Structures are given as C-alpha cells and as structure tokens.
N, C-alpha and C. Protein backbone atom coordinates (compact mmCIF):
# COMPACT_ATOMS: atom_id res chain seq x y z
N UNK A 1 140.86 101.68 92.68
CA UNK A 1 139.59 101.47 92.02
C UNK A 1 138.46 101.48 93.05
N UNK A 2 137.40 102.21 92.73
CA UNK A 2 136.25 102.34 93.63
C UNK A 2 135.36 101.12 93.44
N UNK A 3 135.01 100.46 94.54
CA UNK A 3 134.09 99.32 94.42
C UNK A 3 132.75 99.80 93.86
N UNK A 4 132.09 98.91 93.14
CA UNK A 4 130.83 99.24 92.47
C UNK A 4 129.75 99.74 93.42
N UNK A 5 129.66 99.19 94.61
CA UNK A 5 128.61 99.62 95.52
C UNK A 5 128.83 101.06 95.96
N UNK A 6 130.11 101.49 96.13
CA UNK A 6 130.37 102.88 96.50
C UNK A 6 130.00 103.81 95.34
N UNK A 7 130.31 103.40 94.13
CA UNK A 7 129.94 104.18 92.95
C UNK A 7 128.43 104.28 92.82
N UNK A 8 127.72 103.19 93.10
CA UNK A 8 126.26 103.18 93.06
C UNK A 8 125.69 104.12 94.12
N UNK A 9 126.22 104.09 95.32
CA UNK A 9 125.74 104.96 96.40
C UNK A 9 126.01 106.42 96.05
N UNK A 10 127.19 106.70 95.52
CA UNK A 10 127.54 108.06 95.16
C UNK A 10 126.63 108.58 94.03
N UNK A 11 126.37 107.77 93.03
CA UNK A 11 125.49 108.16 91.92
C UNK A 11 124.07 108.39 92.39
N UNK A 12 123.58 107.50 93.23
CA UNK A 12 122.22 107.63 93.77
C UNK A 12 122.08 108.90 94.58
N UNK A 13 123.10 109.23 95.36
CA UNK A 13 123.08 110.45 96.18
C UNK A 13 122.96 111.69 95.29
N UNK A 14 123.75 111.75 94.22
CA UNK A 14 123.69 112.90 93.32
C UNK A 14 122.32 113.01 92.65
N UNK A 15 121.76 111.90 92.27
CA UNK A 15 120.44 111.91 91.63
C UNK A 15 119.38 112.40 92.60
N UNK A 16 119.42 111.89 93.82
CA UNK A 16 118.42 112.31 94.81
C UNK A 16 118.55 113.78 95.18
N UNK A 17 119.77 114.25 95.28
CA UNK A 17 119.98 115.67 95.59
C UNK A 17 119.45 116.53 94.45
N UNK A 18 119.75 116.16 93.23
CA UNK A 18 119.28 116.91 92.07
C UNK A 18 117.77 116.91 91.95
N UNK A 19 117.14 115.78 92.19
CA UNK A 19 115.67 115.68 92.08
C UNK A 19 114.97 116.41 93.21
N UNK A 20 115.60 116.50 94.37
CA UNK A 20 114.93 117.15 95.50
C UNK A 20 114.77 118.64 95.28
N UNK A 21 115.50 119.22 94.35
CA UNK A 21 115.36 120.65 94.06
C UNK A 21 114.02 120.94 93.39
N UNK A 22 113.36 119.94 92.82
CA UNK A 22 112.11 120.14 92.09
C UNK A 22 110.94 119.54 92.84
N UNK A 23 110.70 120.05 94.02
CA UNK A 23 109.54 119.59 94.78
C UNK A 23 108.31 120.36 94.32
N UNK A 24 107.13 119.84 94.58
CA UNK A 24 105.92 120.58 94.19
C UNK A 24 105.88 121.98 94.80
N UNK A 25 106.42 122.15 96.01
CA UNK A 25 106.42 123.47 96.63
C UNK A 25 107.28 124.43 95.83
N UNK A 26 108.45 123.97 95.38
CA UNK A 26 109.33 124.83 94.60
C UNK A 26 108.70 125.20 93.27
N UNK A 27 108.10 124.24 92.62
CA UNK A 27 107.49 124.48 91.32
C UNK A 27 106.33 125.45 91.45
N UNK A 28 105.48 125.25 92.46
CA UNK A 28 104.32 126.11 92.64
C UNK A 28 104.68 127.51 93.10
N UNK A 29 105.85 127.68 93.70
CA UNK A 29 106.21 129.00 94.18
C UNK A 29 106.84 129.86 93.11
N UNK A 30 107.16 129.27 91.96
CA UNK A 30 107.74 130.07 90.88
C UNK A 30 106.68 130.98 90.29
N UNK A 31 107.13 132.03 89.61
CA UNK A 31 106.19 132.98 89.01
C UNK A 31 105.66 132.40 87.71
N UNK A 32 104.62 131.63 87.79
CA UNK A 32 104.01 131.08 86.58
C UNK A 32 102.59 131.59 86.48
N UNK A 33 102.06 131.54 85.29
CA UNK A 33 100.72 132.03 85.03
C UNK A 33 99.68 131.08 85.59
N UNK A 34 98.84 131.58 86.45
CA UNK A 34 97.74 130.78 86.97
C UNK A 34 96.59 130.87 85.99
N UNK A 35 96.10 129.73 85.57
CA UNK A 35 95.00 129.73 84.61
C UNK A 35 93.70 130.15 85.25
N UNK A 36 93.71 130.27 86.58
CA UNK A 36 92.49 130.67 87.26
C UNK A 36 92.42 132.17 87.46
N UNK A 37 93.49 132.88 87.19
CA UNK A 37 93.49 134.33 87.34
C UNK A 37 92.86 134.96 86.11
N UNK A 38 92.25 136.10 86.30
CA UNK A 38 91.64 136.77 85.16
C UNK A 38 92.68 137.66 84.49
N UNK A 39 92.48 138.00 83.22
CA UNK A 39 93.43 138.85 82.52
C UNK A 39 93.67 140.17 83.22
N UNK A 40 92.67 140.71 83.90
CA UNK A 40 92.85 141.98 84.60
C UNK A 40 93.98 141.86 85.62
N UNK A 41 94.02 140.76 86.36
CA UNK A 41 95.08 140.54 87.34
C UNK A 41 96.39 140.27 86.62
N UNK A 42 96.35 139.48 85.56
CA UNK A 42 97.56 139.10 84.86
C UNK A 42 98.23 140.28 84.18
N UNK A 43 97.47 141.26 83.72
CA UNK A 43 98.04 142.40 83.03
C UNK A 43 99.07 143.10 83.90
N UNK A 44 98.87 143.09 85.21
CA UNK A 44 99.77 143.79 86.10
C UNK A 44 101.11 143.09 86.25
N UNK A 45 101.15 141.76 86.07
CA UNK A 45 102.36 141.02 86.37
C UNK A 45 103.04 140.40 85.16
N UNK A 46 102.33 140.20 84.06
CA UNK A 46 102.92 139.47 82.95
C UNK A 46 102.81 140.22 81.62
N UNK A 47 102.70 141.51 81.66
CA UNK A 47 102.56 142.30 80.43
C UNK A 47 103.73 142.03 79.50
N UNK A 48 103.42 141.82 78.23
CA UNK A 48 104.45 141.64 77.24
C UNK A 48 105.12 140.29 77.25
N UNK A 49 104.57 139.33 77.98
CA UNK A 49 105.13 137.98 77.98
C UNK A 49 104.06 137.00 77.51
N UNK A 50 104.50 135.82 77.08
CA UNK A 50 103.57 134.82 76.58
C UNK A 50 102.63 134.38 77.69
N UNK A 51 101.32 134.34 77.36
CA UNK A 51 100.31 133.99 78.35
C UNK A 51 99.29 133.03 77.75
N UNK A 52 99.21 131.85 78.29
CA UNK A 52 98.23 130.85 77.87
C UNK A 52 97.00 131.03 78.74
N UNK A 53 95.83 131.03 78.10
CA UNK A 53 94.59 131.27 78.83
C UNK A 53 93.68 130.06 78.70
N UNK A 54 93.17 129.60 79.81
CA UNK A 54 92.22 128.48 79.85
C UNK A 54 90.95 128.88 79.10
N UNK A 55 90.43 127.98 78.27
CA UNK A 55 89.28 128.32 77.43
C UNK A 55 88.01 128.60 78.23
N UNK A 56 87.83 127.95 79.34
CA UNK A 56 86.63 128.24 80.13
C UNK A 56 86.70 129.66 80.70
N UNK A 57 87.90 130.09 81.08
CA UNK A 57 88.08 131.45 81.56
C UNK A 57 87.89 132.45 80.41
N UNK A 58 88.42 132.09 79.25
CA UNK A 58 88.25 132.95 78.07
C UNK A 58 86.76 133.10 77.73
N UNK A 59 86.03 132.00 77.79
CA UNK A 59 84.60 132.03 77.49
C UNK A 59 83.87 132.98 78.44
N UNK A 60 84.16 132.89 79.71
CA UNK A 60 83.52 133.78 80.69
C UNK A 60 83.89 135.24 80.43
N UNK A 61 85.15 135.48 80.11
CA UNK A 61 85.58 136.84 79.81
C UNK A 61 84.86 137.38 78.56
N UNK A 62 84.76 136.54 77.53
CA UNK A 62 84.13 136.97 76.28
C UNK A 62 82.64 137.28 76.48
N UNK A 63 82.00 136.62 77.45
CA UNK A 63 80.59 136.89 77.74
C UNK A 63 80.41 138.22 78.45
N UNK A 64 81.37 138.60 79.26
CA UNK A 64 81.17 139.76 80.13
C UNK A 64 81.94 141.01 79.72
N UNK A 65 83.00 140.85 78.96
CA UNK A 65 83.84 142.01 78.61
C UNK A 65 83.66 142.35 77.14
N UNK A 66 83.55 143.63 76.85
CA UNK A 66 83.38 144.10 75.47
C UNK A 66 84.69 144.62 74.88
N UNK A 67 85.75 144.69 75.68
CA UNK A 67 87.01 145.26 75.21
C UNK A 67 87.99 144.23 74.67
N UNK A 68 87.58 142.98 74.58
CA UNK A 68 88.48 141.92 74.10
C UNK A 68 88.43 141.84 72.58
N UNK A 69 89.60 141.82 71.96
CA UNK A 69 89.71 141.60 70.52
C UNK A 69 89.98 140.11 70.32
N UNK A 70 89.01 139.40 69.79
CA UNK A 70 89.13 137.96 69.59
C UNK A 70 89.63 137.72 68.17
N UNK A 71 90.83 137.16 68.05
CA UNK A 71 91.49 137.00 66.76
C UNK A 71 91.67 135.53 66.42
N UNK A 72 91.19 135.17 65.23
CA UNK A 72 91.37 133.83 64.67
C UNK A 72 92.57 133.92 63.72
N UNK A 73 93.62 133.13 63.98
CA UNK A 73 94.84 133.22 63.18
C UNK A 73 94.95 132.11 62.13
N UNK A 74 93.82 131.44 61.85
CA UNK A 74 93.83 130.37 60.85
C UNK A 74 93.68 130.95 59.45
N UNK A 75 93.49 130.08 58.49
CA UNK A 75 93.32 130.51 57.10
C UNK A 75 91.89 131.01 56.87
N UNK A 76 91.66 131.76 55.80
CA UNK A 76 90.29 132.20 55.48
C UNK A 76 89.32 131.03 55.31
N UNK A 77 89.76 129.95 54.69
CA UNK A 77 88.86 128.79 54.51
C UNK A 77 88.47 128.18 55.85
N UNK A 78 89.40 128.06 56.77
CA UNK A 78 89.09 127.53 58.10
C UNK A 78 88.14 128.46 58.84
N UNK A 79 88.36 129.75 58.70
CA UNK A 79 87.53 130.76 59.35
C UNK A 79 86.09 130.68 58.85
N UNK A 80 85.91 130.51 57.56
CA UNK A 80 84.57 130.41 56.98
C UNK A 80 83.86 129.13 57.45
N UNK A 81 84.62 128.07 57.58
CA UNK A 81 84.05 126.77 57.96
C UNK A 81 83.51 126.77 59.39
N UNK A 82 84.30 127.31 60.31
CA UNK A 82 83.89 127.28 61.73
C UNK A 82 84.75 128.28 62.49
N UNK A 83 84.08 129.11 63.31
CA UNK A 83 84.80 130.11 64.10
C UNK A 83 84.02 130.43 65.37
N UNK A 84 84.69 131.07 66.28
CA UNK A 84 84.04 131.53 67.51
C UNK A 84 83.33 132.85 67.17
N UNK A 85 82.10 133.02 67.64
CA UNK A 85 81.37 134.25 67.33
C UNK A 85 82.16 135.51 67.70
N UNK A 86 82.01 136.52 66.87
CA UNK A 86 82.64 137.83 67.05
C UNK A 86 84.16 137.82 66.88
N UNK A 87 84.71 136.76 66.34
CA UNK A 87 86.15 136.75 66.10
C UNK A 87 86.46 137.42 64.77
N UNK A 88 87.68 137.90 64.65
CA UNK A 88 88.16 138.57 63.45
C UNK A 88 89.30 137.74 62.88
N UNK A 89 89.32 137.61 61.58
CA UNK A 89 90.36 136.83 60.92
C UNK A 89 91.63 137.67 60.74
N UNK A 90 92.74 137.14 61.23
CA UNK A 90 94.06 137.70 60.99
C UNK A 90 95.01 136.50 60.87
N UNK A 91 95.17 135.96 59.67
CA UNK A 91 95.99 134.76 59.50
C UNK A 91 97.40 134.95 60.06
N UNK A 92 97.92 133.91 60.66
CA UNK A 92 99.24 133.98 61.28
C UNK A 92 100.31 134.42 60.30
N UNK A 93 100.18 134.04 59.05
CA UNK A 93 101.19 134.38 58.05
C UNK A 93 101.10 135.85 57.61
N UNK A 94 100.05 136.57 58.02
CA UNK A 94 99.90 137.99 57.68
C UNK A 94 100.07 138.92 58.87
N UNK A 95 100.39 138.39 60.03
CA UNK A 95 100.44 139.21 61.24
C UNK A 95 101.44 140.36 61.09
N UNK A 96 102.61 140.08 60.58
CA UNK A 96 103.63 141.12 60.48
C UNK A 96 103.17 142.32 59.66
N UNK A 97 102.41 142.07 58.61
CA UNK A 97 102.00 143.16 57.72
C UNK A 97 100.63 143.76 58.09
N UNK A 98 99.70 142.95 58.59
CA UNK A 98 98.34 143.44 58.84
C UNK A 98 98.07 143.90 60.28
N UNK A 99 98.79 143.38 61.24
CA UNK A 99 98.53 143.72 62.65
C UNK A 99 98.62 145.22 62.93
N UNK A 100 99.61 145.92 62.41
CA UNK A 100 99.67 147.36 62.73
C UNK A 100 98.40 148.12 62.34
N UNK A 101 97.75 147.72 61.24
CA UNK A 101 96.52 148.40 60.83
C UNK A 101 95.28 147.86 61.54
N UNK A 102 95.20 146.54 61.70
CA UNK A 102 94.03 145.93 62.34
C UNK A 102 94.05 146.06 63.87
N UNK A 103 95.24 146.13 64.43
CA UNK A 103 95.41 146.20 65.89
C UNK A 103 96.30 147.40 66.24
N UNK A 104 95.80 148.61 66.04
CA UNK A 104 96.66 149.78 66.25
C UNK A 104 97.02 150.04 67.72
N UNK A 105 96.17 149.59 68.66
CA UNK A 105 96.40 149.82 70.08
C UNK A 105 97.21 148.67 70.67
N UNK A 106 98.46 148.91 71.00
CA UNK A 106 99.32 147.85 71.54
C UNK A 106 99.00 147.52 72.99
N UNK A 107 98.09 148.26 73.59
CA UNK A 107 97.65 147.96 74.96
C UNK A 107 96.30 147.22 74.96
N UNK A 108 95.73 146.99 73.79
CA UNK A 108 94.43 146.31 73.69
C UNK A 108 94.52 144.89 74.23
N UNK A 109 93.42 144.41 74.74
CA UNK A 109 93.33 143.04 75.25
C UNK A 109 93.02 142.12 74.07
N UNK A 110 93.98 141.23 73.73
CA UNK A 110 93.89 140.40 72.54
C UNK A 110 93.87 138.92 72.93
N UNK A 111 92.83 138.21 72.48
CA UNK A 111 92.74 136.76 72.66
C UNK A 111 92.92 136.12 71.28
N UNK A 112 93.83 135.15 71.20
CA UNK A 112 94.12 134.47 69.94
C UNK A 112 93.69 133.01 70.00
N UNK A 113 93.26 132.47 68.86
CA UNK A 113 93.04 131.03 68.76
C UNK A 113 93.31 130.59 67.33
N UNK A 114 93.51 129.29 67.18
CA UNK A 114 93.73 128.69 65.86
C UNK A 114 93.00 127.35 65.86
N UNK A 115 93.51 126.36 65.15
CA UNK A 115 92.87 125.05 65.12
C UNK A 115 93.28 124.22 66.33
N UNK A 116 94.58 124.09 66.55
CA UNK A 116 95.05 123.20 67.62
C UNK A 116 95.85 123.89 68.71
N UNK A 117 96.29 125.10 68.48
CA UNK A 117 97.08 125.83 69.47
C UNK A 117 98.48 126.19 69.01
N UNK A 118 98.98 125.55 67.99
CA UNK A 118 100.35 125.82 67.53
C UNK A 118 100.47 127.20 66.88
N UNK A 119 99.56 127.50 65.96
CA UNK A 119 99.63 128.80 65.27
C UNK A 119 99.30 129.96 66.20
N UNK A 120 98.39 129.75 67.14
CA UNK A 120 98.07 130.84 68.07
C UNK A 120 99.26 131.13 68.98
N UNK A 121 100.01 130.11 69.33
CA UNK A 121 101.23 130.32 70.12
C UNK A 121 102.23 131.14 69.33
N UNK A 122 102.46 130.76 68.08
CA UNK A 122 103.40 131.49 67.22
C UNK A 122 102.92 132.93 66.99
N UNK A 123 101.63 133.09 66.78
CA UNK A 123 101.07 134.43 66.57
C UNK A 123 101.23 135.29 67.82
N UNK A 124 101.01 134.70 68.99
CA UNK A 124 101.19 135.43 70.24
C UNK A 124 102.63 135.91 70.37
N UNK A 125 103.57 135.05 70.05
CA UNK A 125 104.98 135.42 70.14
C UNK A 125 105.30 136.56 69.16
N UNK A 126 104.75 136.50 67.96
CA UNK A 126 104.98 137.57 66.98
C UNK A 126 104.45 138.89 67.52
N UNK A 127 103.21 138.88 68.02
CA UNK A 127 102.61 140.11 68.53
C UNK A 127 103.38 140.68 69.71
N UNK A 128 103.80 139.82 70.60
CA UNK A 128 104.60 140.26 71.75
C UNK A 128 105.89 140.91 71.26
N UNK A 129 106.53 140.28 70.29
CA UNK A 129 107.77 140.84 69.74
C UNK A 129 107.54 142.15 69.00
N UNK A 130 106.31 142.37 68.55
CA UNK A 130 105.96 143.62 67.88
C UNK A 130 105.57 144.71 68.89
N UNK A 131 105.56 144.38 70.18
CA UNK A 131 105.28 145.36 71.21
C UNK A 131 103.90 145.33 71.82
N UNK A 132 103.07 144.34 71.47
CA UNK A 132 101.74 144.21 72.08
C UNK A 132 101.90 143.65 73.49
N UNK A 133 101.14 144.20 74.43
CA UNK A 133 101.36 143.88 75.84
C UNK A 133 100.33 142.99 76.50
N UNK A 134 99.17 142.83 75.91
CA UNK A 134 98.09 142.07 76.55
C UNK A 134 97.59 140.98 75.62
N UNK A 135 98.46 140.05 75.29
CA UNK A 135 98.17 139.00 74.32
C UNK A 135 97.97 137.68 75.07
N UNK A 136 96.85 137.03 74.80
CA UNK A 136 96.51 135.77 75.45
C UNK A 136 96.24 134.70 74.41
N UNK A 137 96.83 133.54 74.58
CA UNK A 137 96.66 132.41 73.67
C UNK A 137 95.59 131.49 74.25
N UNK A 138 94.48 131.35 73.54
CA UNK A 138 93.38 130.48 73.98
C UNK A 138 93.55 129.04 73.49
N UNK A 139 94.52 128.81 72.61
CA UNK A 139 94.71 127.46 72.09
C UNK A 139 93.87 127.22 70.85
N UNK A 140 93.39 125.98 70.70
CA UNK A 140 92.72 125.58 69.47
C UNK A 140 91.21 125.50 69.56
N UNK A 141 90.57 125.78 68.43
CA UNK A 141 89.11 125.69 68.34
C UNK A 141 88.65 124.23 68.45
N UNK A 142 89.55 123.28 68.18
CA UNK A 142 89.17 121.87 68.32
C UNK A 142 88.84 121.52 69.77
N UNK A 143 89.32 122.33 70.72
CA UNK A 143 89.02 122.11 72.13
C UNK A 143 87.90 123.01 72.64
N UNK A 144 87.42 123.92 71.81
CA UNK A 144 86.38 124.88 72.20
C UNK A 144 85.06 124.16 72.37
N UNK A 145 84.49 124.21 73.57
CA UNK A 145 83.26 123.48 73.89
C UNK A 145 82.02 124.37 73.85
N UNK A 146 82.17 125.56 73.31
CA UNK A 146 81.08 126.52 73.35
C UNK A 146 80.61 126.82 71.92
N UNK A 147 79.78 127.81 71.79
CA UNK A 147 79.16 128.14 70.50
C UNK A 147 80.20 128.47 69.42
N UNK A 148 79.89 128.02 68.21
CA UNK A 148 80.67 128.40 67.03
C UNK A 148 79.69 128.78 65.93
N UNK A 149 80.19 129.48 64.92
CA UNK A 149 79.37 129.85 63.77
C UNK A 149 80.11 129.47 62.50
N UNK A 150 79.37 129.42 61.39
CA UNK A 150 79.92 129.04 60.10
C UNK A 150 79.32 129.91 59.01
N UNK A 151 80.08 130.15 57.96
CA UNK A 151 79.57 130.88 56.80
C UNK A 151 79.22 129.93 55.67
N UNK A 152 79.44 128.66 55.88
CA UNK A 152 79.18 127.66 54.86
C UNK A 152 77.78 127.09 55.06
N UNK A 153 76.98 127.07 53.99
CA UNK A 153 75.64 126.47 54.07
C UNK A 153 75.77 124.96 53.99
N UNK A 154 75.05 124.28 54.85
CA UNK A 154 75.12 122.81 54.86
C UNK A 154 74.30 122.20 53.76
C-alpha cells in the first residue's frame, strides 16, 4: 500500500506537468485569430474558417471599405426596430434558401451580426459550410456602440 503522502506527491506532479503545457507562450503561439488584424490580412490565412471580428475593427472597416456586405441575421421585426446602417436583412432561418441568390459571390467579404452573437455565429457556420470564404462574425447589436437606424416612428 502506498502511503498517502506519496500518492499526494505523485498526483500533484501529474497535475503540474499537465498544467505546464498551457503556458501563455504556448497559447499565444497557436494559430488563432488576432482581433487586431484586418480582414485583408486574415483572408490569406483563415479563409473558409470561423472568424470572430472585434466590433471596433468592423466599424473602422465599414467606414473605409465599400466592398463589405453587412448582413443582419435577425428577424424582420428586429431589423425594423434597430439596425446598423447599410445592413441587409437575411434571417438566420432563411440562409440555406436565400443566400445563394442574395450572396452569389462566395469570395465576397461578409460581416454578420444579430442581437447577442449566437445567431450570427450559427449563420457564419452555415455560410462557411455552403462554401463562403470571407465570413466574419461581428457578434450582437446589443454591444454595438456606434450609429444605428430604425424604421419605426417613435
């Protein structure tokens, strides 16, 4: 029978060895998406994979680039209530049927958003699985700190 202190030392050793594999250097050296990189740089390395985009970076891109397709994947009622200027409505539940007609260019630069980020993530995955290569998830409009528009009269 192994004395308890030897078992404790052995267990602690295994835990420390396992945890040491996840140092900040190891984590930072992995190929992960930098939120500070622009889509132009990211297109070269992460085409066709899920890409989360920081909203401040998205805002700057939307101000300067005219080739971005800004897609709102919420419901029509949510879209009418509040949306980011120049966005187009493509509800997440209609992506499979409407995307081929609304988004014919699978190389187009596409930015998606929804209310909180869940539907835009799912929509991004659908588009990627459909063969779109430059899809960026901006997350939710609830976090959007910039201009919005509404079709509803107050």
